[in-house]
Amino acid sequence: MAALGTIGFILQEVPDAFRERTELRQWLHRVAQDHGTRIDAINFVLMTDKALLHYNKTFLQHNDYTDVITFPVESNNGVAGDVLMSYDRIKENAALFGVSTKHEIRRVMVHGLLHLLGHSDTSKAKREAMRALEDEYLKRFARRK
């Protein structure tokens, strides 16, 4: 079996919300395996709204806040990329949806990974399909406990 790739957790001026690093890595590797591939190198970068807005404006020409932006990187050894996440949006969405911040961080992480695995959310049907996958993988994470 090939060695597992690298999953990095980077914090930029936000609290450390990646306390379950080992469990998160195992879970994310299984998501990739379910898709018939492996993780080569992915960085999950948690930052402020202001910092993520800069990336949204600069690279996507969107002048609005978002919870996640995914930047794929070419790799011959599996999926690779950077998943940039707004801690502020995640906290706000967690309160809005009545879930914990940890739960919403996991949702955003798996959402970003699903993008790197080729899933899209550009239509209502695709958004619903991605949400169903997110829900399934979140249930699998919860069952590990």
Protein backbone atom coordinates (compact mmCIF):
# COMPACT_ATOMS: atom_id res chain seq x y z
CA MET A 1 0.00 0.00 0.00
CA ALA A 2 1.26 3.46 -0.89
CA ALA A 3 2.21 5.80 1.93
CA LEU A 4 -0.41 8.32 2.93
CA GLY A 5 0.12 11.83 1.67
CA THR A 6 0.50 14.98 3.69
CA ILE A 7 -2.38 16.88 5.26
CA GLY A 8 -1.32 20.16 6.82
CA PHE A 9 -3.21 22.43 9.19
CA ILE A 10 -2.29 26.11 9.12
CA LEU A 11 -3.71 28.82 11.37
CA GLN A 12 -3.57 32.50 10.46
CA GLU A 13 -4.56 34.83 13.29
CA VAL A 14 -7.37 32.53 14.51
CA PRO A 15 -7.73 30.08 17.42
CA ASP A 16 -6.52 26.51 16.95
CA ALA A 17 -9.66 24.76 15.79
CA PHE A 18 -7.79 21.69 14.50
CA ARG A 19 -7.50 19.88 17.81
CA GLU A 20 -8.30 16.42 16.41
CA ARG A 21 -5.56 16.38 13.79
CA THR A 22 -4.95 12.61 13.82
CA GLU A 23 -8.66 11.79 13.55
CA LEU A 24 -9.19 14.42 10.86
CA ARG A 25 -6.30 13.08 8.79
CA GLN A 26 -7.58 9.49 8.99
CA TRP A 27 -11.09 10.59 8.04
CA LEU A 28 -9.97 12.72 5.09
CA HIS A 29 -7.73 9.94 3.76
CA ARG A 30 -10.74 7.59 3.84
CA VAL A 31 -12.84 10.11 1.88
CA ALA A 32 -10.17 10.16 -0.85
CA GLN A 33 -9.95 6.35 -0.80
CA ASP A 34 -13.74 6.17 -1.26
CA HIS A 35 -13.19 8.14 -4.47
CA GLY A 36 -10.56 5.73 -5.75
CA THR A 37 -7.61 8.02 -5.15
CA ARG A 38 -5.32 9.25 -2.42
CA ILE A 39 -4.28 12.54 -0.91
CA ASP A 40 -0.89 13.68 -2.08
CA ALA A 41 -0.67 17.03 -0.27
CA ILE A 42 -3.46 19.22 1.06
CA ASN A 43 -3.23 22.23 3.35
CA PHE A 44 -6.26 23.34 5.32
CA VAL A 45 -5.70 27.01 6.11
CA LEU A 46 -7.96 28.65 8.69
CA MET A 47 -7.98 32.44 8.53
CA THR A 48 -10.08 35.54 9.18
CA ASP A 49 -12.91 36.82 6.99
CA LYS A 50 -10.72 39.73 5.90
CA ALA A 51 -7.88 37.46 4.78
CA LEU A 52 -10.18 35.11 2.83
CA LEU A 53 -11.96 38.07 1.25
CA HIS A 54 -8.59 39.15 -0.17
CA TYR A 55 -8.22 35.76 -1.92
CA ASN A 56 -11.83 35.87 -3.11
CA LYS A 57 -11.29 39.31 -4.68
CA THR A 58 -7.81 38.60 -6.06
CA PHE A 59 -8.31 35.16 -7.58
CA LEU A 60 -12.06 34.84 -8.16
CA GLN A 61 -13.04 38.50 -8.62
CA HIS A 62 -15.79 38.07 -6.00
CA ASN A 63 -16.27 40.88 -3.51
CA ASP A 64 -18.09 38.90 -0.85
CA TYR A 65 -17.38 36.82 2.19
CA THR A 66 -17.33 33.05 1.89
CA ASP A 67 -16.57 30.14 4.17
CA VAL A 68 -14.20 28.25 1.84
CA ILE A 69 -12.17 28.58 -1.34
CA THR A 70 -10.36 25.59 -2.81
CA PHE A 71 -7.24 25.89 -4.95
CA PRO A 72 -6.26 22.62 -6.65
CA VAL A 73 -2.61 21.88 -7.36
CA GLU A 74 -1.56 19.46 -10.08
CA SER A 75 -0.21 16.17 -8.82
CA ASN A 76 0.55 12.78 -10.31
CA ASN A 77 0.26 11.11 -6.90
CA GLY A 78 -3.35 11.87 -5.92
CA VAL A 79 -5.25 15.01 -5.05
CA ALA A 80 -3.42 18.11 -3.93
CA GLY A 81 -4.31 21.67 -3.13
CA ASP A 82 -5.06 24.33 -0.58
CA VAL A 83 -8.39 24.69 1.17
CA LEU A 84 -8.71 28.22 2.57
CA MET A 85 -11.39 28.62 5.22
CA SER A 86 -12.85 31.58 7.11
CA TYR A 87 -13.08 30.98 10.84
CA ASP A 88 -15.49 33.93 11.12
CA ARG A 89 -17.91 32.52 8.50
CA ILE A 90 -17.66 29.03 9.98
CA LYS A 91 -18.54 30.30 13.47
CA GLU A 92 -21.43 32.35 12.11
CA ASN A 93 -22.77 29.44 10.02
CA ALA A 94 -22.47 27.06 12.97
CA ALA A 95 -24.67 29.37 15.05
CA LEU A 96 -27.10 29.80 12.15
CA PHE A 97 -27.44 26.03 11.61
CA GLY A 98 -27.42 25.14 15.31
CA VAL A 99 -24.27 23.01 15.20
CA SER A 100 -20.91 23.25 16.94
CA THR A 101 -18.06 25.17 15.37
CA LYS A 102 -16.07 21.90 15.25
CA HIS A 103 -18.86 20.25 13.26
CA GLU A 104 -19.04 23.13 10.79
CA ILE A 105 -15.24 23.15 10.39
CA ARG A 106 -15.41 19.46 9.47
CA ARG A 107 -18.19 20.19 6.97
CA VAL A 108 -16.14 22.91 5.30
CA MET A 109 -13.05 20.68 5.26
CA VAL A 110 -14.84 17.79 3.56
CA HIS A 111 -16.54 20.26 1.20
CA GLY A 112 -13.12 21.54 0.11
CA LEU A 113 -11.79 18.00 -0.29
CA LEU A 114 -14.84 17.03 -2.37
CA HIS A 115 -14.05 19.95 -4.70
CA LEU A 116 -10.48 18.67 -5.05
CA LEU A 117 -11.93 15.23 -5.82
CA GLY A 118 -13.90 16.70 -8.73
CA HIS A 119 -17.30 17.47 -7.22
CA SER A 120 -18.99 20.72 -8.18
CA ASP A 121 -21.68 22.86 -6.59
CA THR A 122 -22.47 25.07 -9.57
CA SER A 123 -26.17 24.09 -9.79
CA LYS A 124 -28.91 23.33 -7.30
CA ALA A 125 -28.76 19.59 -8.06
CA LYS A 126 -24.96 19.51 -7.68
CA ARG A 127 -25.13 21.50 -4.42
CA GLU A 128 -27.69 19.04 -3.06
CA ALA A 129 -25.52 16.07 -4.10
CA MET A 130 -22.46 17.61 -2.43
CA ARG A 131 -24.44 18.35 0.73
CA ALA A 132 -25.61 14.72 0.85
CA LEU A 133 -21.99 13.54 0.57
CA GLU A 134 -20.90 15.99 3.27
CA ASP A 135 -23.67 14.72 5.55
CA GLU A 136 -22.66 11.09 4.94
CA TYR A 137 -18.98 11.75 5.67
CA LEU A 138 -19.85 13.80 8.78
CA LYS A 139 -21.89 10.85 10.06
CA ARG A 140 -18.94 8.55 9.45
CA PHE A 141 -16.66 10.88 11.41
CA ALA A 142 -19.14 10.97 14.30
CA ARG A 143 -19.43 7.17 14.38
CA ARG A 144 -15.67 6.88 14.94
CA LYS A 145 -16.04 8.35 18.42
